[in-house]
């Protein structure tokens, strides 16, 4: 039986995902609180996997605990921290615990995180890992050894939204060829540019969830432009943030405007609150989104 998230992808409804980061410790109460603030609007929560190469609690443990709270989760799997043995083992374990939704990514290099001496693995890249997942679904491990029973995943991957980058589009083609079920993108701020990207991949026929990060200040916008590949915050939006007497509120207003435009362009959104979950219900209401039935 497919997950509620998979059923939503197969419908014509607008899909909303968000994300929860496991704690850097063992107390999960704040994660539960954050999820509880927006769970009535969100179809599934990504559980991040040592996001930005910062060591945190196992996403398998966090995902299992969120499932016990009645939430649908999307397990993030990076290629950075595990070899092919561990990746396959954890994928089977996730499925056995009821977590069939998976989002694959390469993962930031360890030198960008809080344990810069960690050795990166990258035994498989994201396309190869999707191929390994297909083999698991067929009843075999990546080496061709038979499984005693096989999983059935809902497979996703992340992507930037640069239509003028042929190598990026080539990699997306490979992922689509692997039978992927959805893409989640880097944060989108230029809707026209995003529409061009959507046109360039329309033949892939894969649901796209546009990434959104509400701006909090002009400084934040400039920082992302300088430091985060694939993000482009335009001068007009930066000027709006600078001239506002309440930049955080202006950032929510901008994000709500983007959501209304994106509903005409793609299948859904992936919202990354970056710790400010208490404002997200107001954002959804500003954007005309309603609680799930």
Protein backbone atom coordinates (compact mmCIF):
# COMPACT_ATOMS: atom_id res chain seq x y z
CA UNK A 1 0.00 0.00 0.00
CA UNK A 2 1.53 3.37 -1.00
CA UNK A 3 2.22 6.01 1.62
CA UNK A 4 -0.09 9.01 2.02
CA UNK A 5 2.68 11.12 0.47
CA UNK A 6 2.86 8.85 -2.60
CA UNK A 7 -0.90 9.02 -2.98
CA UNK A 8 -0.72 12.82 -2.84
CA UNK A 9 1.94 12.81 -5.57
CA UNK A 10 -0.32 10.66 -7.75
CA UNK A 11 -3.26 13.03 -7.24
CA UNK A 12 -3.83 16.48 -8.72
CA UNK A 13 -3.53 18.15 -5.30
CA UNK A 14 -0.87 20.71 -4.41
CA UNK A 15 1.80 18.95 -2.34
CA UNK A 16 3.47 20.56 0.69
CA UNK A 17 6.58 19.16 2.33
CA UNK A 18 8.80 20.66 5.00
CA UNK A 19 11.77 19.41 6.98
CA UNK A 20 12.85 18.52 10.49
CA UNK A 21 16.48 18.39 11.59
CA UNK A 22 17.38 15.81 14.25
CA UNK A 23 18.89 17.36 17.39
CA UNK A 24 22.59 17.61 18.11
CA UNK A 25 21.97 15.52 21.19
CA UNK A 26 19.30 13.14 22.43
CA UNK A 27 16.37 15.44 23.36
CA UNK A 28 13.83 15.34 20.50
CA UNK A 29 11.18 17.50 22.19
CA UNK A 30 11.98 20.61 20.10
CA UNK A 31 11.70 18.59 16.88
CA UNK A 32 8.30 17.29 17.97
CA UNK A 33 7.23 20.83 18.85
CA UNK A 34 8.33 22.22 15.47
CA UNK A 35 6.56 19.46 13.55
CA UNK A 36 3.44 19.92 15.64
CA UNK A 37 3.17 23.59 14.72
CA UNK A 38 2.68 22.89 11.00
CA UNK A 39 1.66 19.21 10.73
CA UNK A 40 -1.93 20.10 9.79
CA UNK A 41 -0.67 21.76 6.58
CA UNK A 42 2.22 19.50 5.61
CA UNK A 43 1.94 16.20 3.71
CA UNK A 44 5.36 14.87 4.74
CA UNK A 45 8.48 15.97 6.60
CA UNK A 46 11.99 15.48 5.27
CA UNK A 47 14.27 14.20 8.02
CA UNK A 48 17.68 15.69 7.29
CA UNK A 49 20.84 13.58 7.22
CA UNK A 50 23.68 15.47 8.93
CA UNK A 51 22.60 18.59 7.04
CA UNK A 52 25.42 20.96 5.98
CA UNK A 53 27.83 18.24 7.19
CA UNK A 54 26.94 19.01 10.82
CA UNK A 55 26.83 15.91 13.03
CA UNK A 56 23.38 15.24 14.49
CA UNK A 57 21.27 12.34 15.73
CA UNK A 58 20.67 9.51 13.27
CA UNK A 59 17.89 10.43 10.83
CA UNK A 60 16.67 6.82 11.02
CA UNK A 61 16.02 7.24 14.75
CA UNK A 62 14.41 10.67 14.29
CA UNK A 63 12.26 9.46 11.40
CA UNK A 64 11.05 6.46 13.37
CA UNK A 65 10.11 8.69 16.31
CA UNK A 66 8.18 11.07 14.03
CA UNK A 67 6.37 8.10 12.47
CA UNK A 68 5.32 7.05 15.96
CA UNK A 69 3.77 10.53 16.28
CA UNK A 70 1.60 9.76 13.24
CA UNK A 71 3.57 11.88 10.75
CA UNK A 72 4.57 10.88 7.21
CA UNK A 73 8.31 11.29 6.70
CA UNK A 74 10.77 11.45 3.82
CA UNK A 75 14.15 10.06 4.77
CA UNK A 76 17.10 11.99 3.36
CA UNK A 77 20.07 9.80 2.42
CA UNK A 78 23.40 11.41 1.58
CA UNK A 79 26.17 9.56 -0.24
CA UNK A 80 28.80 11.33 1.88
CA UNK A 81 28.78 9.28 5.08
CA UNK A 82 28.14 5.64 4.11
CA UNK A 83 29.58 3.08 1.74
CA UNK A 84 27.31 0.88 -0.38
CA UNK A 85 26.96 -1.72 2.38
CA UNK A 86 25.72 0.83 4.93
CA UNK A 87 23.49 2.65 2.42
CA UNK A 88 21.68 -0.55 1.42
CA UNK A 89 21.44 -1.71 5.03
CA UNK A 90 19.93 1.59 6.20
CA UNK A 91 17.50 1.72 3.27
CA UNK A 92 16.19 -1.73 4.16
CA UNK A 93 16.00 -0.74 7.82
CA UNK A 94 14.08 2.44 7.00
CA UNK A 95 11.57 0.50 4.93
CA UNK A 96 11.13 -2.12 7.64
CA UNK A 97 10.23 0.70 10.07
CA UNK A 98 7.58 2.07 7.71
CA UNK A 99 9.66 4.80 6.09
CA UNK A 100 9.35 4.11 2.36
CA UNK A 101 9.74 7.73 1.21
CA UNK A 102 13.40 8.55 0.46
CA UNK A 103 15.18 11.61 -0.94
CA UNK A 104 18.70 11.05 -2.28
CA UNK A 105 21.50 13.64 -2.35
CA UNK A 106 25.28 13.74 -2.54
CA UNK A 107 25.77 15.72 0.69
CA UNK A 108 27.99 18.70 1.51
CA UNK A 109 31.71 18.04 1.82
CA UNK A 110 32.78 17.44 5.48
CA UNK A 111 35.12 20.46 5.51
CA UNK A 112 31.99 22.66 5.42
CA UNK A 113 30.67 21.19 8.67
CA UNK A 114 31.54 20.94 12.35
CA UNK A 115 33.74 17.84 12.03
CA UNK A 116 36.04 18.97 9.20
CA UNK A 117 38.46 16.09 9.80
CA UNK A 118 35.83 13.51 8.84
CA UNK A 119 36.70 11.41 5.79
CA UNK A 120 34.07 11.58 3.03
CA UNK A 121 32.89 8.30 1.52
CA UNK A 122 31.01 8.97 -1.73
CA UNK A 123 31.27 5.28 -2.60
CA UNK A 124 28.17 5.78 -4.77
CA UNK A 125 26.92 8.98 -6.33
CA UNK A 126 23.23 9.91 -6.24
CA UNK A 127 22.42 8.32 -9.61
CA UNK A 128 24.19 5.09 -8.66
CA UNK A 129 22.33 5.02 -5.34
CA UNK A 130 19.01 5.34 -7.15
CA UNK A 131 20.12 2.41 -9.29
CA UNK A 132 20.92 0.43 -6.15
CA UNK A 133 17.43 1.19 -4.80
CA UNK A 134 15.92 -0.15 -8.01
CA UNK A 135 17.90 -3.37 -7.55
CA UNK A 136 16.65 -3.69 -3.96
CA UNK A 137 13.09 -3.31 -5.24
CA UNK A 138 13.79 -6.08 -7.77
CA UNK A 139 14.91 -8.35 -4.92
CA UNK A 140 18.71 -8.07 -5.22
CA UNK A 141 21.49 -6.11 -3.59
CA UNK A 142 23.86 -4.02 -5.69
CA UNK A 143 26.23 -6.98 -6.08
CA UNK A 144 23.44 -9.19 -7.45
CA UNK A 145 22.86 -11.25 -4.32
CA UNK A 146 19.18 -12.15 -3.75
CA UNK A 147 17.19 -10.62 -0.90
CA UNK A 148 14.82 -12.64 1.27
CA UNK A 149 12.17 -9.95 0.74
CA UNK A 150 12.14 -6.66 -1.15
CA UNK A 151 11.07 -3.06 -0.43
CA UNK A 152 9.05 -0.62 -2.57
CA UNK A 153 10.24 2.97 -2.19
CA UNK A 154 8.92 6.38 -3.15
CA UNK A 155 12.14 7.82 -4.56
CA UNK A 156 13.08 11.49 -4.70
CA UNK A 157 16.16 13.61 -5.32
CA UNK A 158 17.24 17.23 -4.97
CA UNK A 159 18.20 19.60 -7.76
CA UNK A 160 19.17 23.17 -8.58
CA UNK A 161 17.06 25.13 -11.04
CA UNK A 162 19.58 26.38 -13.61
CA UNK A 163 18.21 25.66 -17.11
CA UNK A 164 21.43 26.91 -18.71
CA UNK A 165 23.58 24.25 -17.02
CA UNK A 166 23.75 21.27 -19.43
CA UNK A 167 25.63 19.00 -17.02
CA UNK A 168 22.97 19.55 -14.35
CA UNK A 169 20.18 18.79 -16.80
CA UNK A 170 22.04 15.68 -17.95
CA UNK A 171 22.18 14.43 -14.36
CA UNK A 172 18.46 15.14 -13.90
CA UNK A 173 17.79 13.12 -17.06
CA UNK A 174 19.70 10.19 -15.55
CA UNK A 175 17.71 10.43 -12.31
CA UNK A 176 14.41 10.60 -14.20
CA UNK A 177 15.49 7.54 -16.19
CA UNK A 178 15.90 5.68 -12.88
CA UNK A 179 12.15 6.00 -12.31
CA UNK A 180 12.26 8.78 -9.74
CA UNK A 181 8.96 9.87 -8.17
CA UNK A 182 9.70 13.52 -7.31
CA UNK A 183 12.27 16.30 -7.28
CA UNK A 184 12.76 18.83 -4.48
CA UNK A 185 14.61 21.95 -5.62
CA UNK A 186 16.98 24.46 -4.11
CA UNK A 187 15.26 27.61 -2.83
CA UNK A 188 13.44 29.54 -5.56
CA UNK A 189 13.19 33.35 -5.59
CA UNK A 190 12.89 34.17 -9.31
CA UNK A 191 9.61 32.69 -10.54
CA UNK A 192 10.26 33.57 -14.18
CA UNK A 193 13.63 31.84 -14.07
CA UNK A 194 11.98 28.83 -12.41
CA UNK A 195 9.35 28.67 -15.14
CA UNK A 196 12.14 28.43 -17.72
CA UNK A 197 13.66 25.58 -15.72
CA UNK A 198 10.29 23.80 -15.59
CA UNK A 199 9.94 24.12 -19.36
CA UNK A 200 13.40 22.59 -19.82
CA UNK A 201 12.49 19.44 -17.84
CA UNK A 202 8.79 19.13 -18.77
CA UNK A 203 9.53 16.05 -20.91
CA UNK A 204 10.78 14.18 -17.82
CA UNK A 205 7.24 14.05 -16.39
CA UNK A 206 8.43 14.06 -12.77
CA UNK A 207 6.56 16.02 -10.05
CA UNK A 208 8.62 19.01 -8.89
CA UNK A 209 8.36 20.53 -5.40
CA UNK A 210 9.86 24.01 -5.46
CA UNK A 211 12.11 24.84 -2.50
CA UNK A 212 11.26 27.91 -0.44
CA UNK A 213 13.19 29.63 2.37
CA UNK A 214 11.43 32.70 3.82
CA UNK A 215 13.81 35.66 3.93
CA UNK A 216 14.45 37.31 7.29
CA UNK A 217 16.71 40.21 6.25
CA UNK A 218 18.56 41.75 3.32
CA UNK A 219 21.77 40.45 4.87
CA UNK A 220 20.41 36.88 4.73
CA UNK A 221 19.56 37.35 1.04
CA UNK A 222 23.04 38.59 0.19
CA UNK A 223 24.64 35.80 2.23
CA UNK A 224 22.73 33.13 0.31
CA UNK A 225 23.64 34.74 -3.02
CA UNK A 226 27.32 34.63 -2.07
CA UNK A 227 27.56 31.32 -0.21
CA UNK A 228 24.90 28.89 -1.43
CA UNK A 229 25.19 27.50 -4.97
CA UNK A 230 21.98 27.55 -6.98
CA UNK A 231 20.27 30.39 -5.07
CA UNK A 232 19.62 33.75 -6.72
CA UNK A 233 17.80 36.44 -4.74
CA UNK A 234 17.13 39.35 -7.09
CA UNK A 235 17.96 42.99 -6.39
CA UNK A 236 14.26 43.88 -6.30
CA UNK A 237 13.58 41.49 -3.43
CA UNK A 238 16.68 42.66 -1.55
CA UNK A 239 15.50 46.27 -1.94
CA UNK A 240 12.07 45.31 -0.54
CA UNK A 241 13.71 43.73 2.48
CA UNK A 242 15.96 46.75 3.06
CA UNK A 243 13.14 49.29 2.86
CA UNK A 244 10.75 47.38 5.11
CA UNK A 245 10.26 48.42 8.74
CA UNK A 246 9.61 44.72 9.54
CA UNK A 247 11.91 42.63 7.33
CA UNK A 248 10.79 39.28 8.77
CA UNK A 249 7.15 40.08 8.01
CA UNK A 250 8.11 41.31 4.53
CA UNK A 251 9.95 38.04 3.96
CA UNK A 252 6.79 36.09 4.79
CA UNK A 253 4.77 38.31 2.44
CA UNK A 254 7.28 37.67 -0.37
CA UNK A 255 7.17 33.93 0.28
CA UNK A 256 3.35 33.93 0.27
CA UNK A 257 3.38 35.72 -3.09
CA UNK A 258 5.79 33.11 -4.43
CA UNK A 259 3.59 30.25 -3.24
CA UNK A 260 0.57 31.69 -5.05
CA UNK A 261 2.62 31.94 -8.26
CA UNK A 262 4.17 28.49 -7.89
CA UNK A 263 0.75 26.85 -7.62
CA UNK A 264 0.36 27.64 -11.33
CA UNK A 265 3.80 26.27 -12.26
CA UNK A 266 4.65 23.06 -10.36
CA UNK A 267 3.15 20.27 -8.27
CA UNK A 268 4.05 21.60 -4.86
CA UNK A 269 6.51 23.27 -2.51
CA UNK A 270 9.22 22.15 -0.12
CA UNK A 271 9.38 24.68 2.73
CA UNK A 272 12.62 25.09 4.72
CA UNK A 273 11.79 27.26 7.76
CA UNK A 274 15.37 27.25 9.18
CA UNK A 275 14.18 27.22 12.78
CA UNK A 276 11.30 29.72 12.48
CA UNK A 277 8.40 27.27 12.54
CA UNK A 278 6.20 29.53 14.67
CA UNK A 279 5.66 31.88 11.70
CA UNK A 280 4.84 29.23 9.13
CA UNK A 281 1.13 28.82 9.94
CA UNK A 282 0.69 32.56 9.30
CA UNK A 283 2.62 32.14 6.03
CA UNK A 284 0.31 29.37 4.86
CA UNK A 285 -2.74 31.49 5.67
CA UNK A 286 -1.24 34.48 3.81
CA UNK A 287 -0.70 32.21 0.80
CA UNK A 288 -4.27 30.91 0.86
CA UNK A 289 -3.29 27.38 1.87
CA UNK A 290 -5.57 25.46 4.20
CA UNK A 291 -5.26 22.69 6.73
CA UNK A 292 -5.49 19.14 5.41
CA UNK A 293 -8.89 17.47 5.65
